[in-house]
Amino acid sequence: MTKTTDYEALQEGARQDAIQRTVVGIAVRRDSRLLVLQRKSDDFQRNLWEIPGGHVEVGESIPQAVARELQEETGWTLQEIMGFIDAFDYDGEAGDVTREWNFHVTAAMTSALVHTEHQAHAWVGAEDYGNYPMTDEMRRTVARALDQLG
């Protein structure tokens, strides 16, 4: 499944498309299941489920953002970015257009899951991810990620 991803081309494409904000989504698997986190009830897109992730900071590369966000949102360390899943654009919290790039990763799960920015977590499979409220874009990403896992 490992593919080479041209991270600079992704960032250049966002600049050319006048995207104001970029974020990464991180598909972490355990066996044939993906980790999803539930946003807090007082947060943007409240109570919806998503894969871990967050904003790419100014001057930060995509791989650096993936590693940092994985650590912040789970407490785990990035081992490898295995491949690119997909990308989508959405209207962000401040009304700015945001582009999300989603990646499969392997993580060193050497500690208990820590998700202080979210209110719950679940490991979902192809048979049950539809039971979790998500945006349409996130649902497509989760379906693609599960499909790519085989």
C-alpha atoms as a PDB file:
ATOM      1  CA  MET A   1       0.000   0.000   0.000  1.00  0.00           C
ATOM      2  CA  THR A   2       2.925   2.388   0.463  1.00  0.00           C
ATOM      3  CA  LYS A   3       2.913   5.082  -2.208  1.00  0.00           C
ATOM      4  CA  THR A   4       5.075   8.079  -2.760  1.00  0.00           C
ATOM      5  CA  THR A   5       3.221  11.318  -2.117  1.00  0.00           C
ATOM      6  CA  ASP A   6       4.436  14.638  -3.471  1.00  0.00           C
ATOM      7  CA  TYR A   7       3.710  16.778  -0.401  1.00  0.00           C
ATOM      8  CA  GLU A   8       5.089  19.927  -1.994  1.00  0.00           C
ATOM      9  CA  ALA A   9       2.726  19.484  -4.958  1.00  0.00           C
ATOM     10  CA  LEU A  10      -0.219  19.171  -2.563  1.00  0.00           C
ATOM     11  CA  GLN A  11       0.777  22.402  -0.833  1.00  0.00           C
ATOM     12  CA  GLU A  12       1.404  24.192  -4.140  1.00  0.00           C
ATOM     13  CA  GLY A  13      -2.008  23.073  -5.425  1.00  0.00           C
ATOM     14  CA  ALA A  14      -3.653  24.546  -2.333  1.00  0.00           C
ATOM     15  CA  ARG A  15      -1.819  27.843  -2.877  1.00  0.00           C
ATOM     16  CA  GLN A  16      -2.859  27.945  -6.528  1.00  0.00           C
ATOM     17  CA  ASP A  17      -6.475  27.253  -5.542  1.00  0.00           C
ATOM     18  CA  ALA A  18      -6.334  30.116  -2.995  1.00  0.00           C
ATOM     19  CA  ILE A  19      -7.043  27.756  -0.107  1.00  0.00           C
ATOM     20  CA  GLN A  20      -6.751  29.738   3.115  1.00  0.00           C
ATOM     21  CA  ARG A  21      -6.217  26.865   5.540  1.00  0.00           C
ATOM     22  CA  THR A  22      -4.924  23.313   5.297  1.00  0.00           C
ATOM     23  CA  VAL A  23      -5.371  20.389   7.646  1.00  0.00           C
ATOM     24  CA  VAL A  24      -4.296  16.766   7.770  1.00  0.00           C
ATOM     25  CA  GLY A  25      -6.444  13.779   8.601  1.00  0.00           C
ATOM     26  CA  ILE A  26      -4.788  10.681  10.010  1.00  0.00           C
ATOM     27  CA  ALA A  27      -6.172   7.182   9.470  1.00  0.00           C
ATOM     28  CA  VAL A  28      -4.787   4.914  12.183  1.00  0.00           C
ATOM     29  CA  ARG A  29      -5.740   1.286  12.019  1.00  0.00           C
ATOM     30  CA  ARG A  30      -5.776  -1.553  14.489  1.00  0.00           C
ATOM     31  CA  ASP A  31      -6.391  -4.859  12.749  1.00  0.00           C
ATOM     32  CA  SER A  32      -9.149  -4.058  10.220  1.00  0.00           C
ATOM     33  CA  ARG A  33     -10.588  -1.118  12.153  1.00  0.00           C
ATOM     34  CA  LEU A  34      -9.963   2.643  12.037  1.00  0.00           C
ATOM     35  CA  LEU A  35      -9.760   5.057  14.928  1.00  0.00           C
ATOM     36  CA  VAL A  36     -12.406   7.782  14.930  1.00  0.00           C
ATOM     37  CA  LEU A  37     -12.820  10.553  17.488  1.00  0.00           C
ATOM     38  CA  GLN A  38     -15.970  12.447  18.455  1.00  0.00           C
ATOM     39  CA  ARG A  39     -15.774  16.231  18.522  1.00  0.00           C
ATOM     40  CA  LYS A  40     -16.843  17.921  21.743  1.00  0.00           C
ATOM     41  CA  SER A  41     -20.404  19.222  22.050  1.00  0.00           C
ATOM     42  CA  ASP A  42     -19.223  22.853  22.248  1.00  0.00           C
ATOM     43  CA  ASP A  43     -16.803  22.604  19.290  1.00  0.00           C
ATOM     44  CA  PHE A  44     -17.077  23.360  15.566  1.00  0.00           C
ATOM     45  CA  GLN A  45     -18.965  20.460  13.943  1.00  0.00           C
ATOM     46  CA  ARG A  46     -20.080  19.439  17.409  1.00  0.00           C
ATOM     47  CA  ASN A  47     -20.573  15.769  18.244  1.00  0.00           C
ATOM     48  CA  LEU A  48     -19.495  14.593  14.790  1.00  0.00           C
ATOM     49  CA  TRP A  49     -16.994  11.769  14.369  1.00  0.00           C
ATOM     50  CA  GLU A  50     -13.760  12.101  12.402  1.00  0.00           C
ATOM     51  CA  ILE A  51     -10.320  10.631  12.042  1.00  0.00           C
ATOM     52  CA  PRO A  52      -7.635  12.376  14.110  1.00  0.00           C
ATOM     53  CA  GLY A  53      -5.988  15.424  12.579  1.00  0.00           C
ATOM     54  CA  GLY A  54      -5.642  19.164  12.584  1.00  0.00           C
ATOM     55  CA  HIS A  55      -4.174  22.283  11.036  1.00  0.00           C
ATOM     56  CA  VAL A  56      -0.886  22.483   9.190  1.00  0.00           C
ATOM     57  CA  GLU A  57       1.005  25.296  10.898  1.00  0.00           C
ATOM     58  CA  VAL A  58       2.819  28.034   8.953  1.00  0.00           C
ATOM     59  CA  GLY A  59       6.241  26.769   7.856  1.00  0.00           C
ATOM     60  CA  GLU A  60       5.378  23.163   8.718  1.00  0.00           C
ATOM     61  CA  SER A  61       5.579  20.347   6.165  1.00  0.00           C
ATOM     62  CA  ILE A  62       2.701  17.911   5.779  1.00  0.00           C
ATOM     63  CA  PRO A  63       4.678  15.020   7.354  1.00  0.00           C
ATOM     64  CA  GLN A  64       5.595  17.268  10.296  1.00  0.00           C
ATOM     65  CA  ALA A  65       1.921  18.185  10.751  1.00  0.00           C
ATOM     66  CA  VAL A  66       0.881  14.515  10.604  1.00  0.00           C
ATOM     67  CA  ALA A  67       3.430  13.591  13.289  1.00  0.00           C
ATOM     68  CA  ARG A  68       2.536  16.535  15.544  1.00  0.00           C
ATOM     69  CA  GLU A  69      -1.227  16.116  15.221  1.00  0.00           C
ATOM     70  CA  LEU A  70      -1.035  12.368  15.825  1.00  0.00           C
ATOM     71  CA  GLN A  71       0.922  13.028  19.032  1.00  0.00           C
ATOM     72  CA  GLU A  72      -1.441  15.819  20.152  1.00  0.00           C
ATOM     73  CA  GLU A  73      -4.658  13.943  19.404  1.00  0.00           C
ATOM     74  CA  THR A  74      -3.705  10.428  20.543  1.00  0.00           C
ATOM     75  CA  GLY A  75      -0.455  10.551  22.509  1.00  0.00           C
ATOM     76  CA  TRP A  76       1.083   8.165  19.956  1.00  0.00           C
ATOM     77  CA  THR A  77       4.209   8.521  17.840  1.00  0.00           C
ATOM     78  CA  LEU A  78       4.165   8.405  14.039  1.00  0.00           C
ATOM     79  CA  GLN A  79       6.077   5.474  12.581  1.00  0.00           C
ATOM     80  CA  GLU A  80       5.342   5.937   8.888  1.00  0.00           C
ATOM     81  CA  ILE A  81       2.965   7.671   6.498  1.00  0.00           C
ATOM     82  CA  MET A  82       1.830   4.711   4.418  1.00  0.00           C
ATOM     83  CA  GLY A  83      -0.047   6.582   1.723  1.00  0.00           C
ATOM     84  CA  PHE A  84      -2.451   9.270   0.616  1.00  0.00           C
ATOM     85  CA  ILE A  85      -6.177   8.488   0.891  1.00  0.00           C
ATOM     86  CA  ASP A  86      -7.907  11.574  -0.509  1.00  0.00           C
ATOM     87  CA  ALA A  87      -8.527  15.281  -0.066  1.00  0.00           C
ATOM     88  CA  PHE A  88     -11.578  17.496   0.236  1.00  0.00           C
ATOM     89  CA  ASP A  89     -12.416  21.160   0.781  1.00  0.00           C
ATOM     90  CA  TYR A  90     -14.908  22.535   3.292  1.00  0.00           C
ATOM     91  CA  ASP A  91     -15.946  25.816   4.896  1.00  0.00           C
ATOM     92  CA  GLY A  92     -13.951  26.133   8.108  1.00  0.00           C
ATOM     93  CA  GLU A  93     -14.979  27.460  11.489  1.00  0.00           C
ATOM     94  CA  ALA A  94     -14.047  31.044  10.580  1.00  0.00           C
ATOM     95  CA  GLY A  95     -15.735  30.777   7.172  1.00  0.00           C
ATOM     96  CA  ASP A  96     -12.445  30.226   5.382  1.00  0.00           C
ATOM     97  CA  VAL A  97     -12.036  27.526   2.767  1.00  0.00           C
ATOM     98  CA  THR A  98     -10.092  24.648   4.274  1.00  0.00           C
ATOM     99  CA  ARG A  99      -8.463  21.753   2.417  1.00  0.00           C
ATOM    100  CA  GLU A 100      -8.024  18.461   4.247  1.00  0.00           C
ATOM    101  CA  TRP A 101      -5.459  15.912   3.101  1.00  0.00           C
ATOM    102  CA  ASN A 102      -5.962  12.413   4.542  1.00  0.00           C
ATOM    103  CA  PHE A 103      -3.258   9.799   5.022  1.00  0.00           C
ATOM    104  CA  HIS A 104      -2.884   6.207   6.223  1.00  0.00           C
ATOM    105  CA  VAL A 105      -0.236   5.919   8.933  1.00  0.00           C
ATOM    106  CA  THR A 106       1.313   3.422  11.251  1.00  0.00           C
ATOM    107  CA  ALA A 107       1.726   4.559  14.829  1.00  0.00           C
ATOM    108  CA  ALA A 108       3.630   3.376  17.864  1.00  0.00           C
ATOM    109  CA  MET A 109       0.724   2.818  20.246  1.00  0.00           C
ATOM    110  CA  THR A 110       3.012   2.556  23.262  1.00  0.00           C
ATOM    111  CA  SER A 111       0.649   4.319  25.643  1.00  0.00           C
ATOM    112  CA  ALA A 112      -3.058   4.482  26.300  1.00  0.00           C
ATOM    113  CA  LEU A 113      -5.017   6.593  23.840  1.00  0.00           C
ATOM    114  CA  VAL A 114      -5.191  10.215  24.945  1.00  0.00           C
ATOM    115  CA  HIS A 115      -7.793  12.371  23.205  1.00  0.00           C
ATOM    116  CA  THR A 116      -8.218  15.531  25.273  1.00  0.00           C
ATOM    117  CA  GLU A 117      -9.522  17.520  22.283  1.00  0.00           C
ATOM    118  CA  HIS A 118     -12.404  15.061  21.762  1.00  0.00           C
ATOM    119  CA  GLN A 119     -15.114  13.553  23.944  1.00  0.00           C
ATOM    120  CA  ALA A 120     -15.039   9.915  22.806  1.00  0.00           C
ATOM    121  CA  HIS A 121     -13.283   7.434  20.554  1.00  0.00           C
ATOM    122  CA  ALA A 122     -14.177   4.253  18.711  1.00  0.00           C
ATOM    123  CA  TRP A 123     -12.538   1.692  16.445  1.00  0.00           C
ATOM    124  CA  VAL A 124     -14.821   1.284  13.421  1.00  0.00           C
ATOM    125  CA  GLY A 125     -14.981  -1.263  10.658  1.00  0.00           C
ATOM    126  CA  ALA A 126     -16.722  -1.493   7.316  1.00  0.00           C
ATOM    127  CA  GLU A 127     -19.767  -3.003   8.981  1.00  0.00           C
ATOM    128  CA  ASP A 128     -20.409  -0.243  11.521  1.00  0.00           C
ATOM    129  CA  TYR A 129     -18.821   3.107  10.570  1.00  0.00           C
ATOM    130  CA  GLY A 130     -22.192   4.161   9.118  1.00  0.00           C
ATOM    131  CA  ASN A 131     -23.590   4.253  12.661  1.00  0.00           C
ATOM    132  CA  TYR A 132     -21.399   7.242  13.548  1.00  0.00           C
ATOM    133  CA  PRO A 133     -22.556  10.758  12.548  1.00  0.00           C
ATOM    134  CA  MET A 134     -19.952  12.297  10.207  1.00  0.00           C
ATOM    135  CA  THR A 135     -19.849  14.883   7.472  1.00  0.00           C
ATOM    136  CA  ASP A 136     -20.392  13.413   4.011  1.00  0.00           C
ATOM    137  CA  GLU A 137     -16.759  14.110   3.129  1.00  0.00           C
ATOM    138  CA  MET A 138     -15.457  12.349   6.240  1.00  0.00           C
ATOM    139  CA  ARG A 139     -17.757   9.383   5.647  1.00  0.00           C
ATOM    140  CA  ARG A 140     -16.300   9.013   2.122  1.00  0.00           C
ATOM    141  CA  THR A 141     -12.751   9.257   3.518  1.00  0.00           C
ATOM    142  CA  VAL A 142     -13.435   6.603   6.162  1.00  0.00           C
ATOM    143  CA  ALA A 143     -15.021   4.334   3.529  1.00  0.00           C
ATOM    144  CA  ARG A 144     -11.997   4.759   1.245  1.00  0.00           C
ATOM    145  CA  ALA A 145      -9.580   4.150   4.091  1.00  0.00           C
ATOM    146  CA  LEU A 146     -11.378   0.970   5.139  1.00  0.00           C
ATOM    147  CA  ASP A 147     -11.553  -0.188   1.522  1.00  0.00           C
ATOM    148  CA  GLN A 148      -7.820   0.412   1.068  1.00  0.00           C
ATOM    149  CA  LEU A 149      -7.148  -1.652   4.188  1.00  0.00           C
ATOM    150  CA  GLY A 150      -8.746  -4.607   2.403  1.00  0.00           C
END
